[in-house]
């Protein structure tokens, strides 16, 4: 983006020169932000000098309260040398939500540094610290994002409220629509901004954090999330979930074959071929088999559709070997029984190899495998092909069982309020993954609007 000259027209559209309009506001804002940051640093220094031991205990026993020494070390290791975000989050927690034990009483830190005997602050700095303390940490979902400028956020604990427009340059360069994260938003000169702390989540983890917090609050029979105790529960739960997300060894998802719902495995049966001519003759007579000895054979599912799934791939390995590949154990058993009955003495079974595609060995082999050359297809044409493929892939989605919906179809799930919310959440998650893919790789996002319309849903509906 070109730098705006002082004498250029102001980009806000006022018709004034930039130096007579928004430049002055931006310079004033920068000066105020400098005072605000200085006030936070002064408060932290004062806490360290006056209550160093008590502050350290609070960080260890409250901020990191759910973690042992090894797990705390793992958190710092997760940030490696770049631990700015962790330090910002700890620092902001210390000046907003932390309590330290003085004698037998736990006292909020902000009552100490803003009270009698606290350090001197400028009027701007004191006001900022008061605003920080008055606004709680919460979980937000990005409803829309304008990179480098602003985003529209929904508070996931108050979804009935109007989304808030937040001006933010840095975070909006990486966040996408559908992102879920912990943050504190503060009003500054009539506009809402992020305070500085940020607790980014994988979307599914962020939604799980929300659900856990709501479960705890419902157990306490709280209908409104406004009390000081609720604020403490929400704050520490967001922090704990975020830290846990950093150190947790996340298991790879269970991968299943979409057509059979069986666990996906790489199953290869090895045969010695005694009579190629007889084998070729028998296979050629099968209406569900396509191919020849030169290229190998494929057994397809029955039907006349344009896309018939492969049930087994029969690969020729000269001079006298045949490898039969299937993608699930059940399909491999069925294919072996079919092939041996069909071929008779033309083949002799030798061995079976089974590989879990999510195993460390398989992943390492995939990493070391030579990269395939990209197809010589213009990007625009490839995008159209992929879009067409995805449209067909999701064509029957509304009426197919989905594991995330308890193996109900989306249409079935929508018969209950809970199920309807789950379907909306799932569609939002699909769109979020697509938006992140586009942010990382470029291109245009796949449009899931037809699925919303097919189910009679609107994006404005809240989860």
Protein backbone atom coordinates (compact mmCIF):
# COMPACT_ATOMS: atom_id res chain seq x y z
CA UNK A 1 0.00 0.00 0.00
CA UNK A 2 1.37 3.49 -0.94
CA UNK A 3 2.12 5.87 1.90
CA UNK A 4 -0.39 8.73 2.16
CA UNK A 5 1.22 12.13 1.64
CA UNK A 6 0.48 14.97 4.06
CA UNK A 7 -1.09 17.04 1.26
CA UNK A 8 -3.01 14.15 -0.32
CA UNK A 9 -6.81 13.97 0.00
CA UNK A 10 -7.74 12.27 3.26
CA UNK A 11 -8.78 8.63 2.64
CA UNK A 12 -11.79 9.10 4.97
CA UNK A 13 -13.55 10.99 2.16
CA UNK A 14 -13.96 14.29 4.01
CA UNK A 15 -12.51 16.28 1.11
CA UNK A 16 -9.86 17.82 3.36
CA UNK A 17 -6.13 17.33 3.08
CA UNK A 18 -4.78 14.40 5.06
CA UNK A 19 -2.68 16.71 7.30
CA UNK A 20 -5.76 18.77 8.19
CA UNK A 21 -7.97 15.78 8.90
CA UNK A 22 -7.13 12.23 9.98
CA UNK A 23 -3.37 12.76 10.28
CA UNK A 24 -3.95 14.97 13.33
CA UNK A 25 -6.29 12.41 14.84
CA UNK A 26 -3.80 9.61 14.21
CA UNK A 27 -0.96 11.59 15.77
CA UNK A 28 -3.11 12.33 18.82
CA UNK A 29 -4.08 8.66 19.04
CA UNK A 30 -0.44 7.57 18.80
CA UNK A 31 0.53 9.96 21.62
CA UNK A 32 -2.32 8.66 23.79
CA UNK A 33 -1.42 5.03 23.10
CA UNK A 34 2.15 5.77 24.12
CA UNK A 35 0.87 7.13 27.45
CA UNK A 36 -1.41 4.11 27.88
CA UNK A 37 1.42 1.63 27.32
CA UNK A 38 3.66 3.59 29.68
CA UNK A 39 0.96 3.45 32.38
CA UNK A 40 0.68 -0.35 32.12
CA UNK A 41 4.46 -0.70 32.37
CA UNK A 42 4.59 1.66 35.36
CA UNK A 43 1.88 -0.33 37.14
CA UNK A 44 3.74 -3.61 36.51
CA UNK A 45 7.05 -2.16 37.73
CA UNK A 46 5.37 -0.83 40.85
CA UNK A 47 3.78 -4.23 41.59
CA UNK A 48 7.14 -5.94 41.10
CA UNK A 49 8.94 -3.48 43.39
CA UNK A 50 6.30 -3.43 46.16
CA UNK A 51 4.81 -6.91 45.91
CA UNK A 52 7.31 -8.92 43.88
CA UNK A 53 6.92 -12.19 45.77
CA UNK A 54 3.13 -11.92 45.98
CA UNK A 55 2.88 -11.10 42.27
CA UNK A 56 5.07 -14.06 41.31
CA UNK A 57 2.90 -16.33 43.47
CA UNK A 58 -0.23 -15.05 41.71
CA UNK A 59 1.22 -15.81 38.28
CA UNK A 60 2.31 -19.29 39.35
CA UNK A 61 -0.78 -20.26 41.35
CA UNK A 62 -3.55 -18.51 39.40
CA UNK A 63 -2.47 -17.73 35.83
CA UNK A 64 -0.60 -21.07 35.62
CA UNK A 65 -2.64 -22.60 38.43
CA UNK A 66 -3.80 -25.68 36.52
CA UNK A 67 -0.27 -26.62 35.38
CA UNK A 68 2.69 -28.29 37.05
CA UNK A 69 6.33 -27.24 36.65
CA UNK A 70 6.91 -29.38 33.55
CA UNK A 71 3.79 -28.03 31.86
CA UNK A 72 4.74 -24.44 32.64
CA UNK A 73 8.15 -25.10 31.12
CA UNK A 74 6.41 -26.56 28.07
CA UNK A 75 4.39 -23.35 27.67
CA UNK A 76 7.53 -21.23 27.58
CA UNK A 77 9.14 -23.73 25.21
CA UNK A 78 6.11 -23.50 22.91
CA UNK A 79 6.86 -19.80 22.45
CA UNK A 80 10.58 -20.50 21.98
CA UNK A 81 12.39 -17.15 21.87
CA UNK A 82 9.34 -15.17 20.73
CA UNK A 83 7.28 -15.06 23.92
CA UNK A 84 5.94 -11.52 23.50
CA UNK A 85 2.30 -12.66 23.36
CA UNK A 86 2.65 -14.71 26.55
CA UNK A 87 4.29 -11.79 28.37
CA UNK A 88 1.61 -9.36 27.13
CA UNK A 89 -1.14 -11.71 28.31
CA UNK A 90 0.45 -12.20 31.73
CA UNK A 91 1.09 -8.48 32.10
CA UNK A 92 -2.46 -7.49 31.20
CA UNK A 93 -3.89 -10.13 33.52
CA UNK A 94 -1.79 -8.71 36.36
CA UNK A 95 -3.25 -5.22 35.93
CA UNK A 96 -6.86 -6.31 35.32
CA UNK A 97 -7.94 -9.58 36.93
CA UNK A 98 -5.12 -10.67 39.26
CA UNK A 99 -5.45 -10.78 43.03
CA UNK A 100 -2.49 -11.03 45.39
CA UNK A 101 -2.48 -12.23 48.97
CA UNK A 102 -1.51 -9.56 51.48
CA UNK A 103 -1.63 -11.11 54.91
CA UNK A 104 -4.86 -13.11 55.06
CA UNK A 105 -6.69 -11.10 52.40
CA UNK A 106 -6.65 -11.42 48.61
CA UNK A 107 -6.71 -7.96 47.07
CA UNK A 108 -7.23 -7.06 43.39
CA UNK A 109 -3.99 -5.58 42.12
CA UNK A 110 -5.78 -2.70 40.40
CA UNK A 111 -7.07 -1.50 43.79
CA UNK A 112 -3.45 -1.26 44.92
CA UNK A 113 -1.79 0.61 42.06
CA UNK A 114 -4.83 2.87 41.44
CA UNK A 115 -5.43 3.45 45.15
CA UNK A 116 -3.73 5.65 47.77
CA UNK A 117 0.03 5.09 47.79
CA UNK A 118 0.08 3.86 44.19
CA UNK A 119 2.41 5.26 41.52
CA UNK A 120 1.71 8.54 39.74
CA UNK A 121 0.00 8.26 36.35
CA UNK A 122 -0.94 10.82 33.74
CA UNK A 123 -4.68 11.43 33.40
CA UNK A 124 -4.67 9.47 30.12
CA UNK A 125 -2.71 6.59 31.65
CA UNK A 126 -4.94 6.34 34.73
CA UNK A 127 -8.10 6.44 32.60
CA UNK A 128 -6.73 3.62 30.41
CA UNK A 129 -5.96 1.42 33.41
CA UNK A 130 -9.46 2.05 34.75
CA UNK A 131 -10.99 1.13 31.38
CA UNK A 132 -8.89 -2.04 31.20
CA UNK A 133 -10.08 -3.09 34.63
CA UNK A 134 -13.70 -2.29 33.86
CA UNK A 135 -13.86 -4.48 30.73
CA UNK A 136 -13.72 -8.26 31.19
CA UNK A 137 -11.87 -10.82 29.13
CA UNK A 138 -14.31 -12.68 26.89
CA UNK A 139 -14.53 -15.04 23.91
CA UNK A 140 -15.28 -13.50 20.55
CA UNK A 141 -16.14 -14.77 17.09
CA UNK A 142 -15.08 -12.71 14.08
CA UNK A 143 -18.21 -12.13 11.99
CA UNK A 144 -16.30 -10.19 9.32
CA UNK A 145 -12.70 -9.06 8.88
CA UNK A 146 -11.22 -6.24 6.81
CA UNK A 147 -7.46 -6.99 6.76
CA UNK A 148 -5.36 -4.18 8.17
CA UNK A 149 -8.38 -2.16 9.25
CA UNK A 150 -11.22 -3.56 11.36
CA UNK A 151 -13.43 -6.51 12.25
CA UNK A 152 -16.92 -7.18 13.53
CA UNK A 153 -17.02 -9.28 16.70
CA UNK A 154 -19.75 -11.21 18.48
CA UNK A 155 -19.35 -11.91 22.21
CA UNK A 156 -19.98 -15.66 22.47
CA UNK A 157 -21.35 -15.25 25.99
CA UNK A 158 -23.79 -12.57 24.79
CA UNK A 159 -24.68 -13.64 21.22
CA UNK A 160 -27.97 -11.74 21.44
CA UNK A 161 -26.11 -8.42 21.55
CA UNK A 162 -25.32 -6.42 18.42
CA UNK A 163 -21.86 -7.30 17.02
CA UNK A 164 -19.19 -4.73 17.88
CA UNK A 165 -17.05 -3.03 15.24
CA UNK A 166 -13.45 -3.11 16.46
CA UNK A 167 -10.70 -1.06 14.82
CA UNK A 168 -7.53 -3.17 14.69
CA UNK A 169 -4.68 -3.11 12.17
CA UNK A 170 -2.27 -5.85 13.22
CA UNK A 171 -4.52 -8.76 14.25
CA UNK A 172 -6.79 -8.34 11.22
CA UNK A 173 -3.85 -9.18 8.96
CA UNK A 174 -3.94 -12.79 10.20
CA UNK A 175 -7.47 -13.34 11.54
CA UNK A 176 -10.26 -14.51 9.23
CA UNK A 177 -14.03 -14.71 9.45
CA UNK A 178 -15.15 -17.39 11.89
CA UNK A 179 -12.03 -17.07 14.06
CA UNK A 180 -12.64 -17.60 17.79
CA UNK A 181 -10.32 -15.97 20.32
CA UNK A 182 -10.16 -14.57 23.82
CA UNK A 183 -9.70 -10.81 24.07
CA UNK A 184 -10.61 -7.67 25.96
CA UNK A 185 -12.16 -4.84 23.98
CA UNK A 186 -11.98 -1.29 25.30
CA UNK A 187 -13.58 1.93 24.09
CA UNK A 188 -11.05 4.59 23.12
CA UNK A 189 -12.29 8.01 21.99
CA UNK A 190 -15.57 6.61 20.73
CA UNK A 191 -14.22 3.53 18.93
CA UNK A 192 -13.69 -0.01 20.19
CA UNK A 193 -10.17 -1.47 20.11
CA UNK A 194 -8.40 -4.59 21.33
CA UNK A 195 -6.62 -3.95 24.61
CA UNK A 196 -3.48 -5.87 23.65
CA UNK A 197 -3.90 -9.34 25.15
CA UNK A 198 -5.00 -12.04 22.73
CA UNK A 199 -5.82 -15.72 23.26
CA UNK A 200 -6.11 -17.30 19.79
CA UNK A 201 -7.78 -20.71 19.47
CA UNK A 202 -8.37 -23.29 16.82
CA UNK A 203 -12.06 -22.63 16.20
CA UNK A 204 -13.22 -25.98 17.56
CA UNK A 205 -11.15 -25.50 20.74
CA UNK A 206 -12.54 -22.01 21.24
CA UNK A 207 -16.12 -23.28 20.95
CA UNK A 208 -15.31 -26.11 23.37
CA UNK A 209 -13.95 -23.51 25.82
CA UNK A 210 -17.21 -21.55 25.54
CA UNK A 211 -19.28 -24.68 26.13
CA UNK A 212 -17.23 -25.65 29.20
CA UNK A 213 -17.63 -22.18 30.72
CA UNK A 214 -21.39 -22.12 30.09
CA UNK A 215 -21.68 -25.58 31.63
CA UNK A 216 -19.95 -24.38 34.82
CA UNK A 217 -22.09 -21.26 35.02
CA UNK A 218 -25.31 -23.19 34.42
CA UNK A 219 -24.36 -25.57 37.20
CA UNK A 220 -24.19 -22.55 39.47
CA UNK A 221 -27.62 -21.56 38.10
CA UNK A 222 -26.43 -18.23 36.80
CA UNK A 223 -28.56 -16.66 34.11
CA UNK A 224 -26.53 -13.47 33.76
CA UNK A 225 -22.78 -13.34 33.24
CA UNK A 226 -22.12 -10.02 34.92
CA UNK A 227 -20.98 -10.76 38.45
CA UNK A 228 -17.37 -10.43 39.59
CA UNK A 229 -17.30 -14.17 40.27
CA UNK A 230 -18.49 -14.96 36.74
CA UNK A 231 -15.81 -12.66 35.38
CA UNK A 232 -13.13 -14.55 37.31
CA UNK A 233 -14.45 -17.93 36.10
CA UNK A 234 -14.49 -16.81 32.47
CA UNK A 235 -11.06 -15.17 32.61
CA UNK A 236 -9.24 -18.10 34.20
CA UNK A 237 -11.07 -20.64 32.00
CA UNK A 238 -10.01 -18.83 28.81
CA UNK A 239 -6.42 -18.62 30.07
CA UNK A 240 -6.35 -22.29 31.11
CA UNK A 241 -7.85 -23.54 27.84
CA UNK A 242 -5.40 -21.42 25.86
CA UNK A 243 -2.37 -22.64 27.81
CA UNK A 244 -3.62 -26.22 27.58
CA UNK A 245 -3.95 -25.80 23.83
CA UNK A 246 -0.27 -24.76 23.70
CA UNK A 247 1.14 -27.74 25.61
CA UNK A 248 -1.33 -30.48 24.78
CA UNK A 249 -0.15 -33.19 22.42
CA UNK A 250 -3.13 -33.17 20.12
CA UNK A 251 -4.07 -36.60 18.80
CA UNK A 252 -4.49 -36.78 15.07
CA UNK A 253 -8.14 -36.98 14.08
CA UNK A 254 -9.60 -40.41 13.38
CA UNK A 255 -9.74 -40.65 9.61
CA UNK A 256 -12.66 -42.57 8.10
CA UNK A 257 -13.63 -43.49 4.57
CA UNK A 258 -16.53 -41.23 3.63
CA UNK A 259 -18.45 -43.89 1.69
CA UNK A 260 -18.23 -46.74 4.23
CA UNK A 261 -17.59 -44.85 7.52
CA UNK A 262 -14.83 -47.42 8.19
CA UNK A 263 -11.42 -46.36 9.58
CA UNK A 264 -9.14 -45.38 6.69
CA UNK A 265 -6.17 -47.73 6.30
CA UNK A 266 -3.74 -48.44 3.49
CA UNK A 267 -4.25 -52.19 2.92
CA UNK A 268 -2.18 -53.92 0.24
CA UNK A 269 -2.51 -57.64 -0.55
CA UNK A 270 0.42 -59.22 -2.41
CA UNK A 271 -0.16 -62.08 -4.89
CA UNK A 272 2.04 -64.21 -7.11
CA UNK A 273 0.49 -64.61 -10.56
CA UNK A 274 0.67 -68.11 -12.04
CA UNK A 275 -1.33 -67.37 -15.22
CA UNK A 276 -1.60 -63.78 -16.49
CA UNK A 277 -3.77 -64.73 -19.47
CA UNK A 278 -6.35 -66.48 -17.33
CA UNK A 279 -6.39 -63.61 -14.82
CA UNK A 280 -6.84 -61.04 -17.59
CA UNK A 281 -9.63 -63.07 -19.18
CA UNK A 282 -11.55 -63.41 -15.90
CA UNK A 283 -11.21 -59.72 -15.04
CA UNK A 284 -12.25 -58.61 -18.55
CA UNK A 285 -15.53 -60.49 -18.12
CA UNK A 286 -16.50 -58.47 -15.02
CA UNK A 287 -18.83 -55.50 -15.67
CA UNK A 288 -17.52 -53.64 -12.59
CA UNK A 289 -13.83 -53.92 -13.58
CA UNK A 290 -11.99 -51.50 -15.84
CA UNK A 291 -8.41 -51.76 -17.15
CA UNK A 292 -5.87 -54.16 -18.61
CA UNK A 293 -2.55 -55.82 -17.84
CA UNK A 294 -0.55 -52.85 -19.12
CA UNK A 295 -2.19 -50.29 -16.84
CA UNK A 296 -3.63 -52.46 -14.09
CA UNK A 297 -7.29 -52.84 -13.17
CA UNK A 298 -9.78 -50.97 -11.01
CA UNK A 299 -12.87 -52.51 -9.48
CA UNK A 300 -15.65 -49.91 -9.24
CA UNK A 301 -18.80 -49.79 -7.20
CA UNK A 302 -21.93 -50.72 -9.09
CA UNK A 303 -24.04 -47.99 -10.65
CA UNK A 304 -24.26 -45.68 -13.64
CA UNK A 305 -23.29 -42.43 -11.94
CA UNK A 306 -20.58 -40.15 -13.27
CA UNK A 307 -18.53 -40.63 -10.10
CA UNK A 308 -18.27 -44.32 -9.17
CA UNK A 309 -15.96 -44.97 -6.24
CA UNK A 310 -13.06 -47.38 -6.50
CA UNK A 311 -13.40 -50.52 -4.39
CA UNK A 312 -9.96 -51.96 -5.20
CA UNK A 313 -6.94 -51.10 -7.34
CA UNK A 314 -5.08 -54.05 -8.91
CA UNK A 315 -1.54 -52.96 -9.75
CA UNK A 316 0.74 -55.11 -11.93
CA UNK A 317 4.29 -55.63 -10.66
CA UNK A 318 6.37 -57.47 -13.30
CA UNK A 319 7.33 -60.14 -13.80
CA UNK A 320 4.81 -62.15 -11.77
CA UNK A 321 3.37 -60.06 -8.94
CA UNK A 322 0.05 -58.34 -8.36
CA UNK A 323 -0.68 -55.82 -5.60
CA UNK A 324 -4.29 -55.18 -4.63
CA UNK A 325 -4.84 -51.92 -2.77
CA UNK A 326 -7.94 -51.06 -0.69
CA UNK A 327 -8.62 -48.14 1.64
CA UNK A 328 -10.29 -50.01 4.52
CA UNK A 329 -9.81 -53.40 6.13
CA UNK A 330 -13.40 -54.43 5.41
CA UNK A 331 -13.06 -53.53 1.72
CA UNK A 332 -9.79 -55.49 1.60
CA UNK A 333 -11.47 -58.60 3.03
CA UNK A 334 -14.33 -58.36 0.55
CA UNK A 335 -11.95 -57.76 -2.37
CA UNK A 336 -9.74 -60.69 -1.43
CA UNK A 337 -12.72 -63.07 -1.25
CA UNK A 338 -14.03 -61.74 -4.58
CA UNK A 339 -10.67 -61.92 -6.39
CA UNK A 340 -9.67 -65.39 -5.16
CA UNK A 341 -13.08 -66.84 -6.06
CA UNK A 342 -12.90 -65.18 -9.48
CA UNK A 343 -9.29 -66.08 -10.34
CA UNK A 344 -9.03 -69.60 -8.98
CA UNK A 345 -5.53 -71.01 -9.53
CA UNK A 346 -4.38 -68.01 -11.58
CA UNK A 347 -3.08 -66.27 -8.44
CA UNK A 348 -1.59 -67.27 -5.08
CA UNK A 349 -1.94 -65.04 -1.99
CA UNK A 350 1.40 -64.24 -0.32
CA UNK A 351 1.06 -61.46 2.28
CA UNK A 352 -0.89 -58.43 3.48
CA UNK A 353 0.58 -55.06 4.49
CA UNK A 354 -1.52 -52.62 6.54
CA UNK A 355 -0.45 -49.01 7.17
CA UNK A 356 -2.23 -46.41 9.26
CA UNK A 357 -1.91 -43.17 7.23
CA UNK A 358 -1.81 -41.14 10.47
CA UNK A 359 1.04 -43.15 12.04
CA UNK A 360 4.37 -41.37 12.64
CA UNK A 361 6.08 -43.72 10.18
CA UNK A 362 3.58 -43.01 7.41
CA UNK A 363 3.72 -39.26 8.01
CA UNK A 364 7.53 -39.29 7.94
CA UNK A 365 7.56 -41.29 4.69
CA UNK A 366 5.09 -38.85 3.18
CA UNK A 367 7.28 -35.94 4.25
CA UNK A 368 10.35 -37.48 2.62
CA UNK A 369 8.58 -38.51 -0.57
CA UNK A 370 9.52 -36.46 -3.64
CA UNK A 371 7.05 -33.71 -4.40
CA UNK A 372 4.91 -34.34 -7.44
CA UNK A 373 5.12 -31.77 -10.19
CA UNK A 374 2.18 -29.43 -10.24
CA UNK A 375 -0.21 -30.07 -13.13
CA UNK A 376 0.26 -27.73 -16.06
CA UNK A 377 -3.23 -26.25 -15.70
CA UNK A 378 -3.96 -22.51 -15.61
CA UNK A 379 -4.88 -21.43 -12.05
CA UNK A 380 -8.27 -20.11 -13.18
CA UNK A 381 -9.16 -23.42 -14.83
CA UNK A 382 -7.93 -25.41 -11.82
CA UNK A 383 -10.05 -23.24 -9.51
CA UNK A 384 -13.14 -23.96 -11.63
CA UNK A 385 -12.42 -27.69 -11.57
CA UNK A 386 -11.99 -27.66 -7.78
CA UNK A 387 -15.15 -25.59 -7.30
CA UNK A 388 -17.13 -28.01 -9.47
CA UNK A 389 -15.69 -30.98 -7.58
CA UNK A 390 -16.61 -29.48 -4.20
CA UNK A 391 -20.15 -28.66 -5.38
CA UNK A 392 -20.61 -32.32 -6.32
CA UNK A 393 -18.87 -33.47 -3.13
CA UNK A 394 -21.34 -31.52 -0.97
CA UNK A 395 -24.37 -32.05 -3.23
CA UNK A 396 -25.98 -34.60 -0.88
CA UNK A 397 -24.42 -33.28 2.34
CA UNK A 398 -27.75 -32.28 3.87
CA UNK A 399 -28.93 -35.90 3.76
CA UNK A 400 -25.72 -37.76 4.64
CA UNK A 401 -24.86 -38.89 8.20
CA UNK A 402 -22.20 -36.60 9.72
CA UNK A 403 -20.06 -37.87 12.67
CA UNK A 404 -19.91 -34.34 14.15
CA UNK A 405 -23.72 -34.43 14.36
CA UNK A 406 -23.85 -37.77 16.13
CA UNK A 407 -24.12 -39.60 12.77
CA UNK A 408 -27.37 -37.80 12.01
CA UNK A 409 -27.90 -36.04 8.71
CA UNK A 410 -28.00 -32.24 8.93
CA UNK A 411 -31.67 -32.34 8.00
CA UNK A 412 -32.38 -34.80 10.83
CA UNK A 413 -30.30 -32.84 13.34
CA UNK A 414 -32.22 -29.64 12.61
CA UNK A 415 -35.40 -31.10 14.09
CA UNK A 416 -34.19 -30.03 17.54
CA UNK A 417 -32.97 -26.62 18.73
CA UNK A 418 -29.67 -28.12 19.87
CA UNK A 419 -29.21 -29.91 16.55
CA UNK A 420 -30.03 -26.78 14.56
CA UNK A 421 -27.33 -24.88 16.46
CA UNK A 422 -24.87 -27.72 15.80
CA UNK A 423 -25.56 -27.57 12.04
CA UNK A 424 -25.07 -23.78 11.99
CA UNK A 425 -21.83 -24.14 13.94
CA UNK A 426 -20.60 -26.83 11.54
CA UNK A 427 -21.31 -24.69 8.48
CA UNK A 428 -19.51 -21.75 10.10
CA UNK A 429 -16.56 -24.02 10.81
CA UNK A 430 -16.44 -25.14 7.15
CA UNK A 431 -16.43 -21.50 6.06
CA UNK A 432 -13.76 -20.60 8.60
CA UNK A 433 -11.46 -23.39 7.37
CA UNK A 434 -11.99 -22.22 3.80
CA UNK A 435 -11.24 -18.60 4.73
CA UNK A 436 -8.03 -19.62 6.50
CA UNK A 437 -6.98 -21.73 3.50
CA UNK A 438 -7.46 -18.74 1.22
CA UNK A 439 -5.58 -16.46 3.64
CA UNK A 440 -2.63 -18.88 3.64
CA UNK A 441 -2.64 -20.00 0.00
CA UNK A 442 -4.51 -17.31 -1.91
CA UNK A 443 -7.36 -17.81 -4.36
CA UNK A 444 -11.10 -17.48 -3.87
CA UNK A 445 -13.03 -19.19 -1.05
CA UNK A 446 -15.51 -21.92 -1.87
CA UNK A 447 -19.03 -20.55 -1.40
CA UNK A 448 -21.15 -22.66 0.97
CA UNK A 449 -24.24 -20.47 0.47
CA UNK A 450 -26.10 -23.25 -1.36
CA UNK A 451 -25.91 -25.46 1.76
CA UNK A 452 -27.35 -22.71 3.96
CA UNK A 453 -30.13 -22.16 1.44
CA UNK A 454 -30.85 -25.87 0.99
CA UNK A 455 -31.49 -26.16 4.74
CA UNK A 456 -33.38 -22.88 4.99
CA UNK A 457 -30.76 -21.33 7.29
CA UNK A 458 -29.50 -17.77 7.58
CA UNK A 459 -25.98 -16.75 8.58
CA UNK A 460 -27.46 -14.20 10.95
CA UNK A 461 -28.79 -17.02 13.15
CA UNK A 462 -26.75 -17.29 16.33
CA UNK A 463 -25.29 -20.44 17.85
